Amino acid sequence: MLLADIVLVIHFLYVLFVVGSLPVIWIGVWLKLGFVRNFWFRFAHLAAILFVVAESLVGVTCPLTVWENTLRQVESDSSFMQVWLHRIMFFSFPEWVFTVVYILFALLVALTFKLVPPNARKSSAPSS
């Protein structure tokens, strides 16, 4: 059960990163915080939601969900972590609803990438 809970926490942190980064970016712009324009942070955020959209469009179950469910089959008891994080993360709607939400959220992230562009990556080549 410990391994399944660890996978669940990692999954929760992934979801928190994808969902939470968008308001952090906009609040950070308003507060003039430099890290919200960090290229790698912004690229990772965009890539993370695009990965979720791709999974959804192809009809693949999230690997973290599969891994957690496989680990949970070994133990049938529910943990505190499982009960509460599942209530936060998992909802009972048709798959198409999630796909639409993921796509709309990805469009919002992409629009944010355009409206609040990250700083250009630093070139590793020495300047002459």
N, C-alpha and C. Protein backbone atom coordinates (compact mmCIF):
# COMPACT_ATOMS: atom_id res chain seq x y z
N MET A 1 0.83 -1.20 0.00
CA MET A 1 0.00 0.00 0.00
C MET A 1 0.86 1.25 0.00
N LEU A 2 2.04 1.19 0.60
CA LEU A 2 2.93 2.34 0.64
C LEU A 2 3.36 2.76 -0.76
N LEU A 3 3.71 1.79 -1.59
CA LEU A 3 4.12 2.12 -2.96
C LEU A 3 2.97 2.73 -3.75
N ALA A 4 1.78 2.19 -3.58
CA ALA A 4 0.61 2.74 -4.27
C ALA A 4 0.35 4.17 -3.80
N ASP A 5 0.51 4.42 -2.50
CA ASP A 5 0.32 5.79 -1.99
C ASP A 5 1.38 6.74 -2.53
N ILE A 6 2.60 6.26 -2.67
CA ILE A 6 3.67 7.10 -3.23
C ILE A 6 3.34 7.47 -4.68
N VAL A 7 2.88 6.50 -5.46
CA VAL A 7 2.48 6.77 -6.84
C VAL A 7 1.32 7.76 -6.86
N LEU A 8 0.37 7.59 -5.97
CA LEU A 8 -0.77 8.50 -5.89
C LEU A 8 -0.32 9.92 -5.55
N VAL A 9 0.59 10.08 -4.63
CA VAL A 9 1.09 11.42 -4.27
C VAL A 9 1.82 12.04 -5.46
N ILE A 10 2.61 11.26 -6.17
CA ILE A 10 3.29 11.77 -7.37
C ILE A 10 2.26 12.21 -8.40
N HIS A 11 1.22 11.41 -8.58
CA HIS A 11 0.14 11.75 -9.51
C HIS A 11 -0.54 13.06 -9.09
N PHE A 12 -0.82 13.17 -7.81
CA PHE A 12 -1.45 14.39 -7.29
C PHE A 12 -0.56 15.61 -7.52
N LEU A 13 0.74 15.47 -7.30
CA LEU A 13 1.66 16.58 -7.53
C LEU A 13 1.72 16.96 -9.01
N TYR A 14 1.62 15.98 -9.89
CA TYR A 14 1.58 16.25 -11.33
C TYR A 14 0.33 17.08 -11.66
N VAL A 15 -0.82 16.63 -11.16
CA VAL A 15 -2.07 17.36 -11.40
C VAL A 15 -1.98 18.76 -10.81
N LEU A 16 -1.44 18.87 -9.61
CA LEU A 16 -1.29 20.17 -8.96
C LEU A 16 -0.39 21.10 -9.78
N PHE A 17 0.69 20.54 -10.34
CA PHE A 17 1.58 21.33 -11.20
C PHE A 17 0.83 21.82 -12.44
N VAL A 18 0.10 20.93 -13.10
CA VAL A 18 -0.61 21.30 -14.33
C VAL A 18 -1.68 22.35 -14.04
N VAL A 19 -2.50 22.10 -13.05
CA VAL A 19 -3.62 22.99 -12.76
C VAL A 19 -3.15 24.25 -12.02
N GLY A 20 -2.30 24.07 -11.04
CA GLY A 20 -1.89 25.20 -10.21
C GLY A 20 -0.94 26.18 -10.86
N SER A 21 -0.20 25.72 -11.84
CA SER A 21 0.78 26.63 -12.47
C SER A 21 0.11 27.77 -13.24
N LEU A 22 -1.05 27.51 -13.81
CA LEU A 22 -1.70 28.56 -14.60
C LEU A 22 -2.05 29.79 -13.74
N PRO A 23 -2.76 29.62 -12.62
CA PRO A 23 -3.00 30.82 -11.80
C PRO A 23 -1.71 31.40 -11.22
N VAL A 24 -0.73 30.55 -10.93
CA VAL A 24 0.55 31.05 -10.42
C VAL A 24 1.20 31.95 -11.47
N ILE A 25 1.13 31.57 -12.73
CA ILE A 25 1.72 32.39 -13.81
C ILE A 25 1.03 33.75 -13.86
N TRP A 26 -0.30 33.76 -13.88
CA TRP A 26 -1.02 35.03 -13.99
C TRP A 26 -0.83 35.90 -12.74
N ILE A 27 -0.86 35.30 -11.58
CA ILE A 27 -0.62 36.08 -10.35
C ILE A 27 0.82 36.57 -10.33
N GLY A 28 1.75 35.71 -10.78
CA GLY A 28 3.15 36.09 -10.84
C GLY A 28 3.41 37.25 -11.79
N VAL A 29 2.70 37.28 -12.91
CA VAL A 29 2.83 38.40 -13.85
C VAL A 29 2.33 39.67 -13.18
N TRP A 30 1.20 39.57 -12.51
CA TRP A 30 0.61 40.73 -11.84
C TRP A 30 1.55 41.26 -10.75
N LEU A 31 2.21 40.33 -10.04
CA LEU A 31 3.14 40.72 -8.97
C LEU A 31 4.57 40.97 -9.48
N LYS A 32 4.74 40.82 -10.79
CA LYS A 32 6.06 41.01 -11.43
C LYS A 32 7.13 40.05 -10.87
N LEU A 33 6.75 38.78 -10.72
CA LEU A 33 7.69 37.76 -10.26
C LEU A 33 8.37 37.15 -11.49
N GLY A 34 9.68 37.19 -11.50
CA GLY A 34 10.44 36.77 -12.66
C GLY A 34 10.34 35.29 -13.00
N PHE A 35 10.19 34.43 -12.00
CA PHE A 35 10.23 32.99 -12.27
C PHE A 35 9.09 32.53 -13.18
N VAL A 36 7.99 33.29 -13.27
CA VAL A 36 6.87 32.86 -14.10
C VAL A 36 7.19 33.00 -15.59
N ARG A 37 8.28 33.64 -15.90
CA ARG A 37 8.70 33.73 -17.31
C ARG A 37 9.88 32.81 -17.61
N ASN A 38 10.22 31.95 -16.65
CA ASN A 38 11.31 31.00 -16.86
C ASN A 38 10.93 30.03 -17.98
N PHE A 39 11.79 29.94 -18.99
CA PHE A 39 11.48 29.13 -20.16
C PHE A 39 11.21 27.67 -19.80
N TRP A 40 12.05 27.06 -18.96
CA TRP A 40 11.91 25.64 -18.66
C TRP A 40 10.67 25.35 -17.83
N PHE A 41 10.33 26.23 -16.91
CA PHE A 41 9.10 26.08 -16.14
C PHE A 41 7.90 26.13 -17.07
N ARG A 42 7.88 27.11 -17.94
CA ARG A 42 6.75 27.28 -18.85
C ARG A 42 6.66 26.15 -19.87
N PHE A 43 7.82 25.72 -20.38
CA PHE A 43 7.85 24.61 -21.33
C PHE A 43 7.35 23.33 -20.67
N ALA A 44 7.80 23.07 -19.44
CA ALA A 44 7.36 21.87 -18.71
C ALA A 44 5.86 21.92 -18.46
N HIS A 45 5.34 23.09 -18.14
CA HIS A 45 3.91 23.24 -17.89
C HIS A 45 3.10 22.95 -19.16
N LEU A 46 3.51 23.54 -20.26
CA LEU A 46 2.81 23.31 -21.53
C LEU A 46 2.92 21.85 -21.95
N ALA A 47 4.11 21.27 -21.83
CA ALA A 47 4.31 19.87 -22.20
C ALA A 47 3.47 18.95 -21.33
N ALA A 48 3.34 19.26 -20.05
CA ALA A 48 2.59 18.40 -19.12
C ALA A 48 1.12 18.33 -19.52
N ILE A 49 0.50 19.46 -19.85
CA ILE A 49 -0.92 19.43 -20.23
C ILE A 49 -1.08 18.83 -21.62
N LEU A 50 -0.13 19.06 -22.52
CA LEU A 50 -0.24 18.45 -23.85
C LEU A 50 -0.12 16.94 -23.77
N PHE A 51 0.67 16.44 -22.83
CA PHE A 51 0.77 14.99 -22.61
C PHE A 51 -0.58 14.43 -22.16
N VAL A 52 -1.25 15.13 -21.27
CA VAL A 52 -2.56 14.71 -20.78
C VAL A 52 -3.57 14.71 -21.93
N VAL A 53 -3.54 15.75 -22.76
CA VAL A 53 -4.45 15.83 -23.91
C VAL A 53 -4.19 14.68 -24.87
N ALA A 54 -2.92 14.42 -25.16
CA ALA A 54 -2.58 13.34 -26.08
C ALA A 54 -3.08 12.00 -25.55
N GLU A 55 -2.86 11.73 -24.26
CA GLU A 55 -3.37 10.50 -23.65
C GLU A 55 -4.88 10.38 -23.83
N SER A 56 -5.56 11.48 -23.58
CA SER A 56 -7.02 11.48 -23.64
C SER A 56 -7.52 11.26 -25.07
N LEU A 57 -6.89 11.93 -26.03
CA LEU A 57 -7.32 11.80 -27.43
C LEU A 57 -7.06 10.39 -27.96
N VAL A 58 -5.98 9.78 -27.53
CA VAL A 58 -5.64 8.43 -27.98
C VAL A 58 -6.43 7.38 -27.21
N GLY A 59 -6.96 7.76 -26.06
CA GLY A 59 -7.75 6.84 -25.26
C GLY A 59 -6.92 5.97 -24.33
N VAL A 60 -5.77 6.50 -23.93
CA VAL A 60 -4.87 5.77 -23.05
C VAL A 60 -5.13 6.22 -21.61
N THR A 61 -5.22 5.26 -20.71
CA THR A 61 -5.34 5.59 -19.29
C THR A 61 -3.98 6.08 -18.80
N CYS A 62 -4.00 7.07 -17.94
CA CYS A 62 -2.76 7.62 -17.39
C CYS A 62 -1.90 6.50 -16.79
N PRO A 63 -0.62 6.45 -17.16
CA PRO A 63 0.24 5.40 -16.62
C PRO A 63 0.32 5.41 -15.09
N LEU A 64 0.24 6.58 -14.48
CA LEU A 64 0.28 6.65 -13.02
C LEU A 64 -0.96 6.01 -12.40
N THR A 65 -2.10 6.18 -13.04
CA THR A 65 -3.33 5.55 -12.56
C THR A 65 -3.23 4.04 -12.69
N VAL A 66 -2.74 3.59 -13.83
CA VAL A 66 -2.58 2.15 -14.05
C VAL A 66 -1.63 1.55 -13.02
N TRP A 67 -0.51 2.23 -12.81
CA TRP A 67 0.50 1.74 -11.87
C TRP A 67 -0.07 1.68 -10.45
N GLU A 68 -0.75 2.75 -10.05
CA GLU A 68 -1.34 2.76 -8.71
C GLU A 68 -2.36 1.64 -8.55
N ASN A 69 -3.25 1.48 -9.55
CA ASN A 69 -4.28 0.44 -9.47
C ASN A 69 -3.66 -0.95 -9.40
N THR A 70 -2.60 -1.17 -10.14
CA THR A 70 -1.90 -2.45 -10.10
C THR A 70 -1.32 -2.70 -8.72
N LEU A 71 -0.69 -1.69 -8.15
CA LEU A 71 -0.13 -1.83 -6.81
C LEU A 71 -1.21 -2.03 -5.75
N ARG A 72 -2.36 -1.42 -5.94
CA ARG A 72 -3.46 -1.53 -4.97
C ARG A 72 -4.09 -2.92 -4.99
N GLN A 73 -3.97 -3.64 -6.10
CA GLN A 73 -4.55 -4.99 -6.17
C GLN A 73 -3.87 -5.94 -5.19
N VAL A 74 -2.64 -5.63 -4.82
CA VAL A 74 -1.91 -6.45 -3.87
C VAL A 74 -2.53 -6.34 -2.48
N GLU A 75 -2.95 -5.12 -2.12
CA GLU A 75 -3.57 -4.87 -0.80
C GLU A 75 -4.99 -4.37 -1.04
N SER A 76 -5.94 -4.85 -0.31
CA SER A 76 -7.32 -4.42 -0.52
C SER A 76 -7.75 -3.31 0.42
N ASP A 77 -6.96 -3.02 1.45
CA ASP A 77 -7.32 -1.96 2.39
C ASP A 77 -7.11 -0.59 1.76
N SER A 78 -7.98 0.34 2.10
CA SER A 78 -7.83 1.72 1.64
C SER A 78 -7.03 2.50 2.67
N SER A 79 -6.16 3.35 2.18
CA SER A 79 -5.39 4.20 3.08
C SER A 79 -6.07 5.57 3.17
N PHE A 80 -5.70 6.31 4.19
CA PHE A 80 -6.17 7.68 4.34
C PHE A 80 -5.85 8.48 3.09
N MET A 81 -4.61 8.32 2.60
CA MET A 81 -4.14 9.03 1.42
C MET A 81 -5.01 8.70 0.21
N GLN A 82 -5.28 7.42 0.03
CA GLN A 82 -6.07 6.99 -1.12
C GLN A 82 -7.47 7.59 -1.08
N VAL A 83 -8.11 7.51 0.05
CA VAL A 83 -9.49 8.00 0.17
C VAL A 83 -9.57 9.49 -0.16
N TRP A 84 -8.73 10.30 0.44
CA TRP A 84 -8.84 11.75 0.28
C TRP A 84 -8.29 12.26 -1.05
N LEU A 85 -7.17 11.74 -1.49
CA LEU A 85 -6.64 12.21 -2.77
C LEU A 85 -7.51 11.74 -3.93
N HIS A 86 -8.10 10.58 -3.82
CA HIS A 86 -9.02 10.13 -4.87
C HIS A 86 -10.25 11.02 -4.92
N ARG A 87 -10.72 11.46 -3.78
CA ARG A 87 -11.88 12.37 -3.77
C ARG A 87 -11.54 13.70 -4.45
N ILE A 88 -10.31 14.14 -4.32
CA ILE A 88 -9.88 15.40 -4.93
C ILE A 88 -9.64 15.22 -6.43
N MET A 89 -9.04 14.10 -6.82
CA MET A 89 -8.54 13.95 -8.19
C MET A 89 -9.49 13.24 -9.16
N PHE A 90 -10.32 12.36 -8.70
CA PHE A 90 -11.08 11.52 -9.61
C PHE A 90 -12.58 11.81 -9.51
N PHE A 91 -13.20 11.97 -10.68
CA PHE A 91 -14.62 12.28 -10.75
C PHE A 91 -15.28 11.28 -11.69
N SER A 92 -16.57 11.09 -11.53
CA SER A 92 -17.30 10.14 -12.34
C SER A 92 -18.09 10.88 -13.43
N PHE A 93 -17.43 11.11 -14.55
CA PHE A 93 -18.05 11.71 -15.72
C PHE A 93 -17.67 10.89 -16.94
N PRO A 94 -18.40 11.01 -18.02
CA PRO A 94 -18.00 10.32 -19.25
C PRO A 94 -16.61 10.81 -19.71
N GLU A 95 -15.87 9.93 -20.34
CA GLU A 95 -14.51 10.28 -20.78
C GLU A 95 -14.46 11.50 -21.69
N TRP A 96 -15.48 11.68 -22.54
CA TRP A 96 -15.47 12.80 -23.47
C TRP A 96 -15.47 14.14 -22.72
N VAL A 97 -16.09 14.17 -21.55
CA VAL A 97 -16.11 15.40 -20.75
C VAL A 97 -14.69 15.78 -20.34
N PHE A 98 -13.93 14.79 -19.88
CA PHE A 98 -12.55 15.05 -19.49
C PHE A 98 -11.72 15.49 -20.69
N THR A 99 -11.92 14.85 -21.83
CA THR A 99 -11.17 15.21 -23.03
C THR A 99 -11.44 16.67 -23.40
N VAL A 100 -12.69 17.09 -23.38
CA VAL A 100 -13.03 18.48 -23.69
C VAL A 100 -12.39 19.43 -22.68
N VAL A 101 -12.47 19.10 -21.41
CA VAL A 101 -11.87 19.95 -20.37
C VAL A 101 -10.36 20.03 -20.55
N TYR A 102 -9.72 18.91 -20.82
CA TYR A 102 -8.27 18.91 -21.03
C TYR A 102 -7.88 19.77 -22.23
N ILE A 103 -8.63 19.65 -23.31
CA ILE A 103 -8.32 20.44 -24.51
C ILE A 103 -8.52 21.92 -24.23
N LEU A 104 -9.62 22.28 -23.60
CA LEU A 104 -9.87 23.70 -23.29
C LEU A 104 -8.80 24.25 -22.35
N PHE A 105 -8.41 23.46 -21.37
CA PHE A 105 -7.36 23.91 -20.45
C PHE A 105 -6.04 24.06 -21.18
N ALA A 106 -5.72 23.13 -22.08
CA ALA A 106 -4.48 23.21 -22.87
C ALA A 106 -4.49 24.46 -23.75
N LEU A 107 -5.64 24.78 -24.31
CA LEU A 107 -5.74 26.01 -25.12
C LEU A 107 -5.51 27.25 -24.26
N LEU A 108 -6.01 27.23 -23.05
CA LEU A 108 -5.78 28.34 -22.12
C LEU A 108 -4.30 28.45 -21.75
N VAL A 109 -3.65 27.32 -21.53
CA VAL A 109 -2.21 27.32 -21.23
C VAL A 109 -1.43 27.84 -22.44
N ALA A 110 -1.80 27.39 -23.65
CA ALA A 110 -1.12 27.85 -24.86
C ALA A 110 -1.35 29.34 -25.08
N LEU A 111 -2.54 29.82 -24.82
CA LEU A 111 -2.84 31.25 -24.94
C LEU A 111 -2.01 32.04 -23.94
N THR A 112 -1.89 31.53 -22.74
CA THR A 112 -1.05 32.17 -21.72
C THR A 112 0.40 32.19 -22.16
N PHE A 113 0.85 31.11 -22.78
CA PHE A 113 2.22 31.04 -23.31
C PHE A 113 2.44 32.15 -24.33
N LYS A 114 1.41 32.44 -25.13
CA LYS A 114 1.49 33.50 -26.16
C LYS A 114 1.37 34.89 -25.53
N LEU A 115 0.40 35.08 -24.63
CA LEU A 115 0.15 36.40 -24.04
C LEU A 115 1.21 36.79 -23.01
N VAL A 116 1.72 35.81 -22.31
CA VAL A 116 2.75 36.03 -21.30
C VAL A 116 3.94 35.14 -21.69
N PRO A 117 4.67 35.56 -22.71
CA PRO A 117 5.73 34.68 -23.21
C PRO A 117 6.85 34.49 -22.19
N PRO A 118 7.42 33.29 -22.20
CA PRO A 118 8.58 33.08 -21.33
C PRO A 118 9.78 33.84 -21.88
N ASN A 119 10.75 34.06 -21.02
CA ASN A 119 11.99 34.68 -21.49
C ASN A 119 12.67 33.71 -22.46
N ALA A 120 13.39 34.29 -23.41
CA ALA A 120 14.11 33.45 -24.37
C ALA A 120 15.14 32.61 -23.63
N ARG A 121 15.36 31.41 -24.13
CA ARG A 121 16.39 30.55 -23.53
C ARG A 121 17.74 31.20 -23.69
N LYS A 122 18.58 30.98 -22.71
CA LYS A 122 19.96 31.49 -22.77
C LYS A 122 20.75 30.65 -23.75
N SER A 123 21.46 31.29 -24.62
CA SER A 123 22.30 30.58 -25.59
C SER A 123 23.54 30.04 -24.87
N SER A 124 23.91 28.80 -25.20
CA SER A 124 25.10 28.22 -24.59
C SER A 124 26.36 28.58 -25.38
N ALA A 125 26.16 29.14 -26.58
CA ALA A 125 27.32 29.53 -27.39
C ALA A 125 27.88 30.84 -26.89
N PRO A 126 29.21 30.95 -26.81
CA PRO A 126 29.81 32.22 -26.35
C PRO A 126 29.58 33.30 -27.38
N SER A 127 29.32 34.50 -26.89
CA SER A 127 29.11 35.62 -27.81
C SER A 127 30.45 36.20 -28.23
N SER A 128 30.48 36.70 -29.48
CA SER A 128 31.75 37.22 -29.98
C SER A 128 31.91 38.68 -29.72
